[in-house]
Amino acid sequence: MTETERRNRLIGWLDVVYIDVQHLLLNDHLFWEFQNVVKQNDQFLSASGLFTQFIAEAYAHSAAVGIRRHAKADKDSISIMHFLEEVRDHPQTVSREHYISLYQGKEAWHIEIGQHDFDRVAGEGSPHVPPRLADEQIHDVKRAVEVVEHYVDRRIAHYDRRDLARPLPKYSELTDALKALEMIVILYWRLLKGPSMTTIVPIIMYDWKDIFRFAWDPKNTARQSTVEATQ
């Protein structure tokens, strides 16, 4: 496989990873926004809580499995871990030459900014990212998802006879792990494709909270209105 072919394959993996992590982050955003809705409505305090528990469990399971998916590096899988191992083993695929080529047609001062940007990531004058950078990122990913991976392996992927050897992951820890994955995607998206971003969480262009502004069970609402009218 030529260097160009290997880089193109890496970019293809990045496209897949981007979409998957973005979806996980969007779900995370919606989960926390739903928590705000619950906190701001005192009627939830007198409700059974069964449905909100379902939402919380569905989010936790989905997020945990998604995070674990990117911590695996099986040869047939596309994941952040597999991506980083490829960068570590073939660092020339993320090269200065390729990065600067993304500035083609730009003015000289703009290209100079690109050179300095690559210096900050790879080291001054380095022709490509150093393998140690990917190694450090692999370590960071493993550390971020460790508690989540244990939970998935023993309670979600299958129900292990052994008890959990670590505490259940907190919702905030799921979010932190997703943010760690996001930062890696953002970095390599810039180095391999050009655009610079601060987040990959999509902007929702419509009022998705409109579902909370009408009765979810109109039949029950009608019965309640009848009862109140006869009192």
C-alpha atoms as a PDB file:
ATOM      1  CA  MET A   1       0.000   0.000   0.000  1.00  0.00           C
ATOM      2  CA  THR A   2       1.400   3.402  -0.976  1.00  0.00           C
ATOM      3  CA  GLU A   3       1.577   6.302   1.427  1.00  0.00           C
ATOM      4  CA  THR A   4      -1.206   8.095  -0.454  1.00  0.00           C
ATOM      5  CA  GLU A   5      -3.431   5.018  -0.380  1.00  0.00           C
ATOM      6  CA  ARG A   6      -2.802   4.573   3.330  1.00  0.00           C
ATOM      7  CA  ARG A   7      -3.607   8.231   3.986  1.00  0.00           C
ATOM      8  CA  ASN A   8      -6.797   8.041   1.934  1.00  0.00           C
ATOM      9  CA  ARG A   9      -7.860   4.991   3.913  1.00  0.00           C
ATOM     10  CA  LEU A  10      -7.132   6.859   7.137  1.00  0.00           C
ATOM     11  CA  ILE A  11      -9.245   9.795   5.958  1.00  0.00           C
ATOM     12  CA  GLY A  12     -12.055   7.369   5.134  1.00  0.00           C
ATOM     13  CA  TRP A  13     -11.866   5.985   8.668  1.00  0.00           C
ATOM     14  CA  LEU A  14     -11.919   9.527  10.034  1.00  0.00           C
ATOM     15  CA  ASP A  15     -15.133  10.257   8.135  1.00  0.00           C
ATOM     16  CA  VAL A  16     -16.790   7.219   9.753  1.00  0.00           C
ATOM     17  CA  VAL A  17     -15.442   8.062  13.216  1.00  0.00           C
ATOM     18  CA  TYR A  18     -16.573  11.680  12.893  1.00  0.00           C
ATOM     19  CA  ILE A  19     -20.190  10.720  12.158  1.00  0.00           C
ATOM     20  CA  ASP A  20     -20.311   8.164  14.970  1.00  0.00           C
ATOM     21  CA  VAL A  21     -18.756  10.392  17.638  1.00  0.00           C
ATOM     22  CA  GLN A  22     -20.895  13.316  16.517  1.00  0.00           C
ATOM     23  CA  HIS A  23     -24.022  11.187  16.966  1.00  0.00           C
ATOM     24  CA  LEU A  24     -22.885  10.138  20.450  1.00  0.00           C
ATOM     25  CA  LEU A  25     -22.195  13.767  21.382  1.00  0.00           C
ATOM     26  CA  LEU A  26     -25.576  14.877  20.074  1.00  0.00           C
ATOM     27  CA  ASN A  27     -27.276  12.254  22.233  1.00  0.00           C
ATOM     28  CA  ASP A  28     -25.212  13.457  25.181  1.00  0.00           C
ATOM     29  CA  HIS A  29     -26.289  17.052  24.533  1.00  0.00           C
ATOM     30  CA  LEU A  30     -29.959  16.064  24.327  1.00  0.00           C
ATOM     31  CA  PHE A  31     -29.697  14.044  27.532  1.00  0.00           C
ATOM     32  CA  TRP A  32     -28.348  16.980  29.538  1.00  0.00           C
ATOM     33  CA  GLU A  33     -30.861  19.362  28.008  1.00  0.00           C
ATOM     34  CA  PHE A  34     -33.632  16.965  29.044  1.00  0.00           C
ATOM     35  CA  GLN A  35     -32.223  16.992  32.588  1.00  0.00           C
ATOM     36  CA  ASN A  36     -32.610  20.772  32.583  1.00  0.00           C
ATOM     37  CA  VAL A  37     -36.242  20.425  31.511  1.00  0.00           C
ATOM     38  CA  VAL A  38     -36.860  18.020  34.393  1.00  0.00           C
ATOM     39  CA  LYS A  39     -35.124  20.272  36.942  1.00  0.00           C
ATOM     40  CA  GLN A  40     -37.166  23.291  35.880  1.00  0.00           C
ATOM     41  CA  ASN A  41     -40.531  21.537  36.219  1.00  0.00           C
ATOM     42  CA  ASP A  42     -41.568  20.724  39.794  1.00  0.00           C
ATOM     43  CA  GLN A  43     -44.296  18.383  38.543  1.00  0.00           C
ATOM     44  CA  PHE A  44     -41.619  15.768  37.901  1.00  0.00           C
ATOM     45  CA  LEU A  45     -41.146  15.560  41.674  1.00  0.00           C
ATOM     46  CA  SER A  46     -44.610  14.047  42.082  1.00  0.00           C
ATOM     47  CA  ALA A  47     -44.415  11.849  38.952  1.00  0.00           C
ATOM     48  CA  SER A  48     -43.519   8.144  39.124  1.00  0.00           C
ATOM     49  CA  GLY A  49     -40.081   8.651  37.610  1.00  0.00           C
ATOM     50  CA  LEU A  50     -40.266   5.419  35.596  1.00  0.00           C
ATOM     51  CA  PHE A  51     -40.032   7.149  32.217  1.00  0.00           C
ATOM     52  CA  THR A  52     -37.196   9.464  33.227  1.00  0.00           C
ATOM     53  CA  GLN A  53     -35.351   6.431  34.595  1.00  0.00           C
ATOM     54  CA  PHE A  54     -35.816   4.756  31.216  1.00  0.00           C
ATOM     55  CA  ILE A  55     -34.360   7.809  29.437  1.00  0.00           C
ATOM     56  CA  ALA A  56     -31.367   7.861  31.796  1.00  0.00           C
ATOM     57  CA  GLU A  57     -30.666   4.143  31.379  1.00  0.00           C
ATOM     58  CA  ALA A  58     -31.073   4.281  27.604  1.00  0.00           C
ATOM     59  CA  TYR A  59     -28.630   7.173  27.402  1.00  0.00           C
ATOM     60  CA  ALA A  60     -26.112   5.506  29.737  1.00  0.00           C
ATOM     61  CA  HIS A  61     -26.153   2.206  27.854  1.00  0.00           C
ATOM     62  CA  SER A  62     -25.958   3.835  24.438  1.00  0.00           C
ATOM     63  CA  ALA A  63     -23.147   6.201  25.433  1.00  0.00           C
ATOM     64  CA  ALA A  64     -21.152   3.515  27.242  1.00  0.00           C
ATOM     65  CA  VAL A  65     -21.344   1.066  24.338  1.00  0.00           C
ATOM     66  CA  GLY A  66     -20.426   3.832  21.882  1.00  0.00           C
ATOM     67  CA  ILE A  67     -17.413   4.856  23.942  1.00  0.00           C
ATOM     68  CA  ARG A  68     -16.260   1.260  24.296  1.00  0.00           C
ATOM     69  CA  ARG A  69     -16.633   0.822  20.530  1.00  0.00           C
ATOM     70  CA  HIS A  70     -13.911   3.413  19.994  1.00  0.00           C
ATOM     71  CA  ALA A  71     -11.601   1.941  22.620  1.00  0.00           C
ATOM     72  CA  LYS A  72     -11.233  -1.291  20.638  1.00  0.00           C
ATOM     73  CA  ALA A  73      -8.684  -1.785  17.882  1.00  0.00           C
ATOM     74  CA  ASP A  74      -9.819  -4.982  16.185  1.00  0.00           C
ATOM     75  CA  LYS A  75      -8.279  -5.293  12.727  1.00  0.00           C
ATOM     76  CA  ASP A  76     -11.691  -5.274  11.025  1.00  0.00           C
ATOM     77  CA  SER A  77     -13.124  -2.388  13.056  1.00  0.00           C
ATOM     78  CA  ILE A  78     -13.123   1.346  12.441  1.00  0.00           C
ATOM     79  CA  SER A  79     -12.538   3.082  15.745  1.00  0.00           C
ATOM     80  CA  ILE A  80     -10.525   5.905  17.246  1.00  0.00           C
ATOM     81  CA  MET A  81      -8.166   3.376  18.821  1.00  0.00           C
ATOM     82  CA  HIS A  82      -7.536   1.634  15.494  1.00  0.00           C
ATOM     83  CA  PHE A  83      -7.116   5.042  13.854  1.00  0.00           C
ATOM     84  CA  LEU A  84      -4.515   6.128  16.423  1.00  0.00           C
ATOM     85  CA  GLU A  85      -2.598   2.868  16.142  1.00  0.00           C
ATOM     86  CA  GLU A  86      -2.420   3.393  12.386  1.00  0.00           C
ATOM     87  CA  VAL A  87      -1.093   6.928  12.897  1.00  0.00           C
ATOM     88  CA  ARG A  88       1.469   5.649  15.405  1.00  0.00           C
ATOM     89  CA  ASP A  89       2.675   2.889  13.094  1.00  0.00           C
ATOM     90  CA  HIS A  90       2.606   5.045   9.941  1.00  0.00           C
ATOM     91  CA  PRO A  91       3.098   8.654  11.108  1.00  0.00           C
ATOM     92  CA  GLN A  92       4.070   9.791   7.608  1.00  0.00           C
ATOM     93  CA  THR A  93       0.391   9.576   6.671  1.00  0.00           C
ATOM     94  CA  VAL A  94      -0.182  12.706   8.760  1.00  0.00           C
ATOM     95  CA  SER A  95       2.548  14.782   7.181  1.00  0.00           C
ATOM     96  CA  ARG A  96       3.448  18.443   7.003  1.00  0.00           C
ATOM     97  CA  GLU A  97       3.485  18.221   3.216  1.00  0.00           C
ATOM     98  CA  HIS A  98      -0.104  16.972   3.104  1.00  0.00           C
ATOM     99  CA  TYR A  99      -1.272  19.519   5.666  1.00  0.00           C
ATOM    100  CA  ILE A 100       0.284  22.455   3.818  1.00  0.00           C
ATOM    101  CA  SER A 101      -1.195  21.176   0.546  1.00  0.00           C
ATOM    102  CA  LEU A 102      -4.601  21.914   2.092  1.00  0.00           C
ATOM    103  CA  TYR A 103      -3.610  25.608   1.972  1.00  0.00           C
ATOM    104  CA  GLN A 104      -3.180  25.486  -1.812  1.00  0.00           C
ATOM    105  CA  GLY A 105      -4.248  28.769  -3.378  1.00  0.00           C
ATOM    106  CA  LYS A 106      -3.910  30.673  -0.106  1.00  0.00           C
ATOM    107  CA  GLU A 107      -1.680  33.709   0.375  1.00  0.00           C
ATOM    108  CA  ALA A 108       1.860  33.326   1.742  1.00  0.00           C
ATOM    109  CA  TRP A 109       0.988  34.637   5.211  1.00  0.00           C
ATOM    110  CA  HIS A 110      -1.817  32.095   5.465  1.00  0.00           C
ATOM    111  CA  ILE A 111       0.525  29.243   4.545  1.00  0.00           C
ATOM    112  CA  GLU A 112       2.993  30.476   7.162  1.00  0.00           C
ATOM    113  CA  ILE A 113       0.255  30.225   9.785  1.00  0.00           C
ATOM    114  CA  GLY A 114      -0.281  26.645   8.640  1.00  0.00           C
ATOM    115  CA  GLN A 115       3.422  25.884   9.075  1.00  0.00           C
ATOM    116  CA  HIS A 116       3.368  27.251  12.628  1.00  0.00           C
ATOM    117  CA  ASP A 117       0.187  25.313  13.358  1.00  0.00           C
ATOM    118  CA  PHE A 118       1.831  22.052  12.309  1.00  0.00           C
ATOM    119  CA  ASP A 119       4.907  22.974  14.377  1.00  0.00           C
ATOM    120  CA  ARG A 120       2.727  23.253  17.481  1.00  0.00           C
ATOM    121  CA  VAL A 121       1.339  19.769  16.931  1.00  0.00           C
ATOM    122  CA  ALA A 122       4.332  17.849  15.583  1.00  0.00           C
ATOM    123  CA  GLY A 123       7.345  19.883  16.666  1.00  0.00           C
ATOM    124  CA  GLU A 124       9.267  22.580  14.820  1.00  0.00           C
ATOM    125  CA  GLY A 125      10.303  21.435  11.364  1.00  0.00           C
ATOM    126  CA  SER A 126       9.014  17.873  11.842  1.00  0.00           C
ATOM    127  CA  PRO A 127       7.961  16.279   8.517  1.00  0.00           C
ATOM    128  CA  HIS A 128       5.092  14.416  10.181  1.00  0.00           C
ATOM    129  CA  VAL A 129       3.426  13.890  13.536  1.00  0.00           C
ATOM    130  CA  PRO A 130       5.669  11.985  15.955  1.00  0.00           C
ATOM    131  CA  PRO A 131       4.613   8.437  16.940  1.00  0.00           C
ATOM    132  CA  ARG A 132       4.763   9.472  20.604  1.00  0.00           C
ATOM    133  CA  LEU A 133       1.818  11.838  20.017  1.00  0.00           C
ATOM    134  CA  ALA A 134      -0.425   8.958  18.958  1.00  0.00           C
ATOM    135  CA  ASP A 135       0.960   6.877  21.843  1.00  0.00           C
ATOM    136  CA  GLU A 136       0.014   9.616  24.311  1.00  0.00           C
ATOM    137  CA  GLN A 137      -3.449   9.873  22.772  1.00  0.00           C
ATOM    138  CA  ILE A 138      -3.904   6.108  22.958  1.00  0.00           C
ATOM    139  CA  HIS A 139      -3.021   6.301  26.652  1.00  0.00           C
ATOM    140  CA  ASP A 140      -5.463   9.194  27.146  1.00  0.00           C
ATOM    141  CA  VAL A 141      -8.283   7.287  25.448  1.00  0.00           C
ATOM    142  CA  LYS A 142      -7.635   4.160  27.517  1.00  0.00           C
ATOM    143  CA  ARG A 143      -7.652   6.193  30.723  1.00  0.00           C
ATOM    144  CA  ALA A 144     -10.817   8.084  29.761  1.00  0.00           C
ATOM    145  CA  VAL A 145     -12.827   4.979  28.891  1.00  0.00           C
ATOM    146  CA  GLU A 146     -11.442   2.538  31.473  1.00  0.00           C
ATOM    147  CA  VAL A 147     -14.354   2.730  33.907  1.00  0.00           C
ATOM    148  CA  VAL A 148     -16.879   2.714  31.052  1.00  0.00           C
ATOM    149  CA  GLU A 149     -15.300  -0.305  29.362  1.00  0.00           C
ATOM    150  CA  HIS A 150     -15.428  -2.335  32.577  1.00  0.00           C
ATOM    151  CA  TYR A 151     -19.125  -1.535  33.019  1.00  0.00           C
ATOM    152  CA  VAL A 152     -19.980  -2.487  29.440  1.00  0.00           C
ATOM    153  CA  ASP A 153     -18.020  -5.727  29.550  1.00  0.00           C
ATOM    154  CA  ARG A 154     -19.634  -6.937  32.773  1.00  0.00           C
ATOM    155  CA  ARG A 155     -23.154  -5.519  32.613  1.00  0.00           C
ATOM    156  CA  ILE A 156     -24.175  -4.486  29.084  1.00  0.00           C
ATOM    157  CA  ALA A 157     -22.415  -6.658  26.501  1.00  0.00           C
ATOM    158  CA  HIS A 158     -23.345  -9.591  28.725  1.00  0.00           C
ATOM    159  CA  TYR A 159     -24.185 -10.068  32.403  1.00  0.00           C
ATOM    160  CA  ASP A 160     -20.995 -11.320  34.004  1.00  0.00           C
ATOM    161  CA  ARG A 161     -21.283 -13.590  37.052  1.00  0.00           C
ATOM    162  CA  ARG A 162     -18.610 -11.502  38.706  1.00  0.00           C
ATOM    163  CA  ASP A 163     -19.533  -8.328  40.529  1.00  0.00           C
ATOM    164  CA  LEU A 164     -18.325  -4.984  39.254  1.00  0.00           C
ATOM    165  CA  ALA A 165     -14.769  -4.400  40.390  1.00  0.00           C
ATOM    166  CA  ARG A 166     -15.115  -0.650  39.891  1.00  0.00           C
ATOM    167  CA  PRO A 167     -17.853   1.867  40.713  1.00  0.00           C
ATOM    168  CA  LEU A 168     -20.562   2.461  38.142  1.00  0.00           C
ATOM    169  CA  PRO A 169     -19.581   5.276  35.770  1.00  0.00           C
ATOM    170  CA  LYS A 170     -21.190   8.611  36.497  1.00  0.00           C
ATOM    171  CA  TYR A 171     -23.099  10.431  33.786  1.00  0.00           C
ATOM    172  CA  SER A 172     -20.447  13.146  33.912  1.00  0.00           C
ATOM    173  CA  GLU A 173     -17.753  10.534  33.288  1.00  0.00           C
ATOM    174  CA  LEU A 174     -19.560   9.408  30.155  1.00  0.00           C
ATOM    175  CA  THR A 175     -19.592  12.997  28.953  1.00  0.00           C
ATOM    176  CA  ASP A 176     -15.896  13.449  29.795  1.00  0.00           C
ATOM    177  CA  ALA A 177     -14.984  10.318  27.828  1.00  0.00           C
ATOM    178  CA  LEU A 178     -16.954  11.544  24.827  1.00  0.00           C
ATOM    179  CA  LYS A 179     -15.230  14.924  25.012  1.00  0.00           C
ATOM    180  CA  ALA A 180     -11.851  13.166  25.015  1.00  0.00           C
ATOM    181  CA  LEU A 181     -12.824  11.351  21.815  1.00  0.00           C
ATOM    182  CA  GLU A 182     -14.108  14.585  20.315  1.00  0.00           C
ATOM    183  CA  MET A 183     -10.793  16.392  20.819  1.00  0.00           C
ATOM    184  CA  ILE A 184      -8.936  13.673  18.913  1.00  0.00           C
ATOM    185  CA  VAL A 185     -11.409  13.826  16.039  1.00  0.00           C
ATOM    186  CA  ILE A 186     -11.106  17.613  15.874  1.00  0.00           C
ATOM    187  CA  LEU A 187      -7.294  17.491  15.763  1.00  0.00           C
ATOM    188  CA  TYR A 188      -7.001  14.925  12.984  1.00  0.00           C
ATOM    189  CA  TRP A 189      -9.870  16.445  11.036  1.00  0.00           C
ATOM    190  CA  ARG A 190      -7.785  19.607  10.850  1.00  0.00           C
ATOM    191  CA  LEU A 191      -4.526  17.836  10.012  1.00  0.00           C
ATOM    192  CA  LEU A 192      -5.986  15.566   7.343  1.00  0.00           C
ATOM    193  CA  LYS A 193      -8.920  17.553   5.950  1.00  0.00           C
ATOM    194  CA  GLY A 194      -8.220  21.197   6.779  1.00  0.00           C
ATOM    195  CA  PRO A 195     -11.234  22.728   8.575  1.00  0.00           C
ATOM    196  CA  SER A 196     -10.636  23.856  12.146  1.00  0.00           C
ATOM    197  CA  MET A 197     -13.423  23.351  14.696  1.00  0.00           C
ATOM    198  CA  THR A 198     -13.953  23.777  18.427  1.00  0.00           C
ATOM    199  CA  THR A 199     -16.723  21.162  18.626  1.00  0.00           C
ATOM    200  CA  ILE A 200     -18.419  18.641  16.365  1.00  0.00           C
ATOM    201  CA  VAL A 201     -21.758  18.813  18.168  1.00  0.00           C
ATOM    202  CA  PRO A 202     -24.172  19.920  15.426  1.00  0.00           C
ATOM    203  CA  ILE A 203     -26.246  23.057  15.786  1.00  0.00           C
ATOM    204  CA  ILE A 204     -29.920  22.076  15.860  1.00  0.00           C
ATOM    205  CA  MET A 205     -31.648  24.477  13.494  1.00  0.00           C
ATOM    206  CA  TYR A 206     -35.144  23.969  14.839  1.00  0.00           C
ATOM    207  CA  ASP A 207     -36.900  23.987  18.210  1.00  0.00           C
ATOM    208  CA  TRP A 208     -36.594  20.314  19.167  1.00  0.00           C
ATOM    209  CA  LYS A 209     -38.086  21.058  22.601  1.00  0.00           C
ATOM    210  CA  ASP A 210     -41.471  21.670  20.978  1.00  0.00           C
ATOM    211  CA  ILE A 211     -42.383  18.071  21.939  1.00  0.00           C
ATOM    212  CA  PHE A 212     -42.603  19.217  25.569  1.00  0.00           C
ATOM    213  CA  ARG A 213     -45.203  21.880  24.774  1.00  0.00           C
ATOM    214  CA  PHE A 214     -48.184  19.629  24.155  1.00  0.00           C
ATOM    215  CA  ALA A 215     -49.835  16.821  26.066  1.00  0.00           C
ATOM    216  CA  TRP A 216     -48.230  13.461  25.331  1.00  0.00           C
ATOM    217  CA  ASP A 217     -51.390  11.606  26.333  1.00  0.00           C
ATOM    218  CA  PRO A 218     -54.352  13.676  25.054  1.00  0.00           C
ATOM    219  CA  LYS A 219     -56.899  11.060  26.158  1.00  0.00           C
ATOM    220  CA  ASN A 220     -55.677  11.286  29.735  1.00  0.00           C
ATOM    221  CA  THR A 221     -55.718  15.081  29.510  1.00  0.00           C
ATOM    222  CA  ALA A 222     -59.335  15.006  28.350  1.00  0.00           C
ATOM    223  CA  ARG A 223     -60.317  12.727  31.253  1.00  0.00           C
ATOM    224  CA  GLN A 224     -58.532  15.028  33.722  1.00  0.00           C
ATOM    225  CA  SER A 225     -60.360  18.056  32.321  1.00  0.00           C
ATOM    226  CA  THR A 226     -63.704  16.256  32.726  1.00  0.00           C
ATOM    227  CA  VAL A 227     -62.933  15.403  36.342  1.00  0.00           C
ATOM    228  CA  GLU A 228     -61.937  18.985  37.130  1.00  0.00           C
ATOM    229  CA  ALA A 229     -65.097  20.326  35.451  1.00  0.00           C
ATOM    230  CA  THR A 230     -67.361  18.173  37.639  1.00  0.00           C
ATOM    231  CA  GLN A 231     -65.701  19.163  40.900  1.00  0.00           C
END
